[in-house]
Each structure stands twice: as structure tokens, then as C-alpha cells.
């Protein structure tokens, strides 16, 4: 009988260790997904910045070809080494539409997520309800600043669970 009790205790100890390791590996996998998303966003941000710089360079080259363009914006930046002002001419249309034209176009085939029905960007969190119709949410749209510990349910699923 003692042999049987020791064996049961040993099995329950093993099961609890397995459960702990599973919870720990699940947390690691969540962290890895979060890091992958952050890395993707960082790369995407730098690509957009490079696209913007390329557009400005191309506009500057076109501006040099068309010196008679009367709608030029002169960007004066101080040169720290020489203490003189350096000027760069950019077409005014590029400056005035800074918020609109500088972002990369969104692929119409890309799926939309969240309450805002936008594409994936920034930090996102998945609803832990397997039947959630939306699944993924932007942190800002659901009022999060960091990943919560444990299960997280979107506002809609939270109401459904509360009923």
C-alpha cells in the first residue's frame, strides 16, 4: 500500500512539474510572438522612413531639374560643424501632405482586425475566446499599454462571458 501511495505522489509531482513547464513555455511563446511583432513593426517603420527619404530625394532631383518651380519649400537646417545654414529645396506638395502621402499604401487584400477594422500594425493582442469573430486587437484600441498576464478577452467577448 505504501508503495502505491509513493507512486501516486511521484506521478502527481511529475504532473505538477509538467504543468509548470507548460505554463512557462506558453509564456515564453507569447513573449516570442510579441518580440516578432515588435521586430516586424520596427522594420516596417524603417522601410517607411526609407521610402519617405527616397521620395524626398527624387523630389529634390526633380526640383533641381525644374528650377523654375515657384512652389518650393526651403528647409533650413543648421550645420553643426560649420555653423552655417544649409538649405534643401523640396516641392511644397510633399511637405503639405506629410501625413497622407508618406505612408505606404495598404494592400487591399490584407485582412483587417480590431474594433477599428484596420490592418495589423503596432502592438496587438489576441482574444483568448476561440470563437471571437475579430481575434486580434491593437493595444491602443482596447486601452492596453502592455501585455496583460493570463487570459485576455476583448470587450465583446467579456460581455458575452459575463452574461
Protein backbone atom coordinates (compact mmCIF):
# COMPACT_ATOMS: atom_id res chain seq x y z
CA UNK A 1 0.00 0.00 0.00
CA UNK A 2 2.84 2.43 0.82
CA UNK A 3 4.46 1.59 -2.48
CA UNK A 4 1.25 2.58 -4.27
CA UNK A 5 0.97 5.89 -2.35
CA UNK A 6 4.60 6.76 -3.17
CA UNK A 7 3.96 6.01 -6.82
CA UNK A 8 0.82 8.22 -6.86
CA UNK A 9 2.73 11.07 -5.14
CA UNK A 10 5.53 10.67 -7.67
CA UNK A 11 3.09 10.85 -10.57
CA UNK A 12 1.29 13.89 -9.16
CA UNK A 13 4.65 15.59 -8.61
CA UNK A 14 5.62 14.86 -12.21
CA UNK A 15 2.27 16.17 -13.45
CA UNK A 16 2.64 19.39 -11.47
CA UNK A 17 6.17 19.85 -12.85
CA UNK A 18 4.87 19.27 -16.39
CA UNK A 19 2.08 21.78 -15.79
CA UNK A 20 4.58 24.39 -14.52
CA UNK A 21 6.84 23.82 -17.52
CA UNK A 22 3.86 24.10 -19.88
CA UNK A 23 2.74 27.39 -18.33
CA UNK A 24 6.30 28.68 -18.54
CA UNK A 25 6.69 27.60 -22.17
CA UNK A 26 3.34 29.20 -23.02
CA UNK A 27 4.54 32.49 -21.51
CA UNK A 28 7.79 32.20 -23.49
CA UNK A 29 5.85 31.60 -26.70
CA UNK A 30 3.69 34.67 -26.03
CA UNK A 31 6.84 36.70 -25.46
CA UNK A 32 8.36 35.39 -28.70
CA UNK A 33 5.26 36.34 -30.66
CA UNK A 34 5.32 39.79 -29.08
CA UNK A 35 9.01 40.22 -29.96
CA UNK A 36 8.37 39.08 -33.52
CA UNK A 37 5.55 41.61 -33.88
CA UNK A 38 7.69 44.39 -32.44
CA UNK A 39 10.54 43.47 -34.78
CA UNK A 40 8.17 43.47 -37.74
CA UNK A 41 6.85 46.90 -36.78
CA UNK A 42 10.36 48.27 -36.34
CA UNK A 43 11.43 47.00 -39.75
CA UNK A 44 8.20 48.34 -41.28
CA UNK A 45 8.81 51.74 -39.67
CA UNK A 46 12.33 51.89 -41.10
CA UNK A 47 11.11 50.83 -44.54
CA UNK A 48 8.53 53.64 -44.46
CA UNK A 49 11.26 56.07 -43.40
CA UNK A 50 13.46 54.89 -46.28
CA UNK A 51 10.54 55.28 -48.69
CA UNK A 52 9.98 58.81 -47.42
CA UNK A 53 13.66 59.66 -47.80
CA UNK A 54 13.63 58.19 -51.30
CA UNK A 55 10.58 60.27 -52.23
CA UNK A 56 12.28 63.39 -50.91
CA UNK A 57 15.48 62.61 -52.80
CA UNK A 58 13.58 62.01 -56.01
CA UNK A 59 11.63 65.22 -55.47
CA UNK A 60 14.87 67.09 -54.80
CA UNK A 61 16.36 65.72 -58.03
CA UNK A 62 13.23 66.71 -59.95
CA UNK A 63 13.38 70.12 -58.26
CA UNK A 64 16.96 70.58 -59.43
CA UNK A 65 15.81 69.80 -62.99
CA UNK A 66 12.92 72.25 -62.74
CA UNK A 67 14.39 75.30 -61.03
CA UNK A 68 11.53 77.48 -62.21
CA UNK A 69 9.01 75.78 -59.88
CA UNK A 70 7.56 78.63 -57.82
CA UNK A 71 6.06 76.37 -55.15
CA UNK A 72 9.24 75.34 -53.38
CA UNK A 73 9.67 74.97 -49.66
CA UNK A 74 13.14 75.66 -48.29
CA UNK A 75 14.11 73.58 -45.29
CA UNK A 76 16.94 75.30 -43.40
CA UNK A 77 18.91 73.11 -41.08
CA UNK A 78 21.91 74.23 -39.13
CA UNK A 79 25.21 72.61 -39.96
CA UNK A 80 26.79 71.93 -36.57
CA UNK A 81 30.31 71.66 -37.96
CA UNK A 82 30.36 74.91 -39.89
CA UNK A 83 27.67 76.89 -38.06
CA UNK A 84 26.12 77.84 -41.41
CA UNK A 85 22.62 77.19 -42.70
CA UNK A 86 22.25 74.56 -45.37
CA UNK A 87 19.11 74.65 -47.47
CA UNK A 88 17.32 71.79 -49.16
CA UNK A 89 14.54 72.51 -51.63
CA UNK A 90 11.53 70.23 -51.59
CA UNK A 91 8.34 70.53 -53.60
CA UNK A 92 5.61 72.07 -51.44
CA UNK A 93 3.21 69.23 -52.26
CA UNK A 94 5.47 66.79 -50.44
CA UNK A 95 5.56 68.93 -47.31
CA UNK A 96 1.88 69.81 -47.09
CA UNK A 97 0.71 66.19 -47.42
CA UNK A 98 3.10 64.82 -44.84
CA UNK A 99 0.51 62.72 -43.06
CA UNK A 100 -1.20 61.35 -46.14
CA UNK A 101 1.27 60.63 -48.92
CA UNK A 102 4.23 59.40 -46.93
CA UNK A 103 2.72 56.21 -45.54
CA UNK A 104 2.95 53.10 -47.62
CA UNK A 105 -0.27 52.10 -49.37
CA UNK A 106 -2.23 49.30 -47.75
CA UNK A 107 -2.71 46.13 -49.77
CA UNK A 108 -6.49 45.77 -50.35
CA UNK A 109 -6.11 42.00 -49.88
CA UNK A 110 -4.59 42.38 -46.43
CA UNK A 111 -7.01 41.30 -43.68
CA UNK A 112 -8.37 43.81 -41.19
CA UNK A 113 -8.57 43.35 -37.44
CA UNK A 114 -9.66 45.07 -34.26
CA UNK A 115 -12.61 47.29 -33.41
CA UNK A 116 -11.23 49.89 -35.84
CA UNK A 117 -11.26 47.47 -38.82
CA UNK A 118 -7.68 48.38 -39.76
CA UNK A 119 -4.76 46.22 -40.88
CA UNK A 120 -2.23 44.82 -38.45
CA UNK A 121 0.18 47.43 -37.05
CA UNK A 122 1.85 48.21 -33.75
CA UNK A 123 1.41 46.00 -30.75
CA UNK A 124 -1.58 43.69 -30.92
CA UNK A 125 -3.21 41.20 -28.58
CA UNK A 126 -5.30 38.14 -29.38
CA UNK A 127 -8.60 37.44 -27.66
CA UNK A 128 -8.47 34.15 -25.77
CA UNK A 129 -12.02 33.27 -26.80
CA UNK A 130 -11.62 30.68 -29.55
CA UNK A 131 -14.93 31.82 -31.09
CA UNK A 132 -14.09 35.54 -31.13
CA UNK A 133 -15.12 36.96 -34.52
CA UNK A 134 -12.37 39.60 -34.53
CA UNK A 135 -9.49 37.72 -32.83
CA UNK A 136 -6.76 40.43 -32.88
CA UNK A 137 -6.82 43.95 -31.40
CA UNK A 138 -4.46 46.93 -31.37
CA UNK A 139 -3.30 47.76 -27.85
CA UNK A 140 -4.41 51.40 -28.17
CA UNK A 141 -7.89 50.47 -29.40
CA UNK A 142 -8.60 48.35 -26.31
CA UNK A 143 -6.80 50.63 -23.83
CA UNK A 144 -3.72 48.47 -23.22
CA UNK A 145 -0.16 49.69 -22.84
CA UNK A 146 1.43 46.32 -22.09
CA UNK A 147 0.58 42.65 -22.41
CA UNK A 148 -1.62 41.51 -19.51
CA UNK A 149 -0.75 38.35 -17.65
CA UNK A 150 -3.03 35.38 -18.10
CA UNK A 151 -6.02 35.18 -20.39
CA UNK A 152 -7.36 38.31 -22.05
CA UNK A 153 -10.79 38.73 -23.60
CA UNK A 154 -11.89 41.54 -25.89
CA UNK A 155 -14.68 43.89 -24.77
CA UNK A 156 -17.30 42.00 -26.81
CA UNK A 157 -16.32 38.56 -25.52
CA UNK A 158 -16.02 39.90 -21.95
CA UNK A 159 -19.66 40.98 -22.14
CA UNK A 160 -20.68 37.61 -23.56
CA UNK A 161 -18.79 35.75 -20.82
CA UNK A 162 -20.30 37.99 -18.14
CA UNK A 163 -23.86 37.06 -19.21
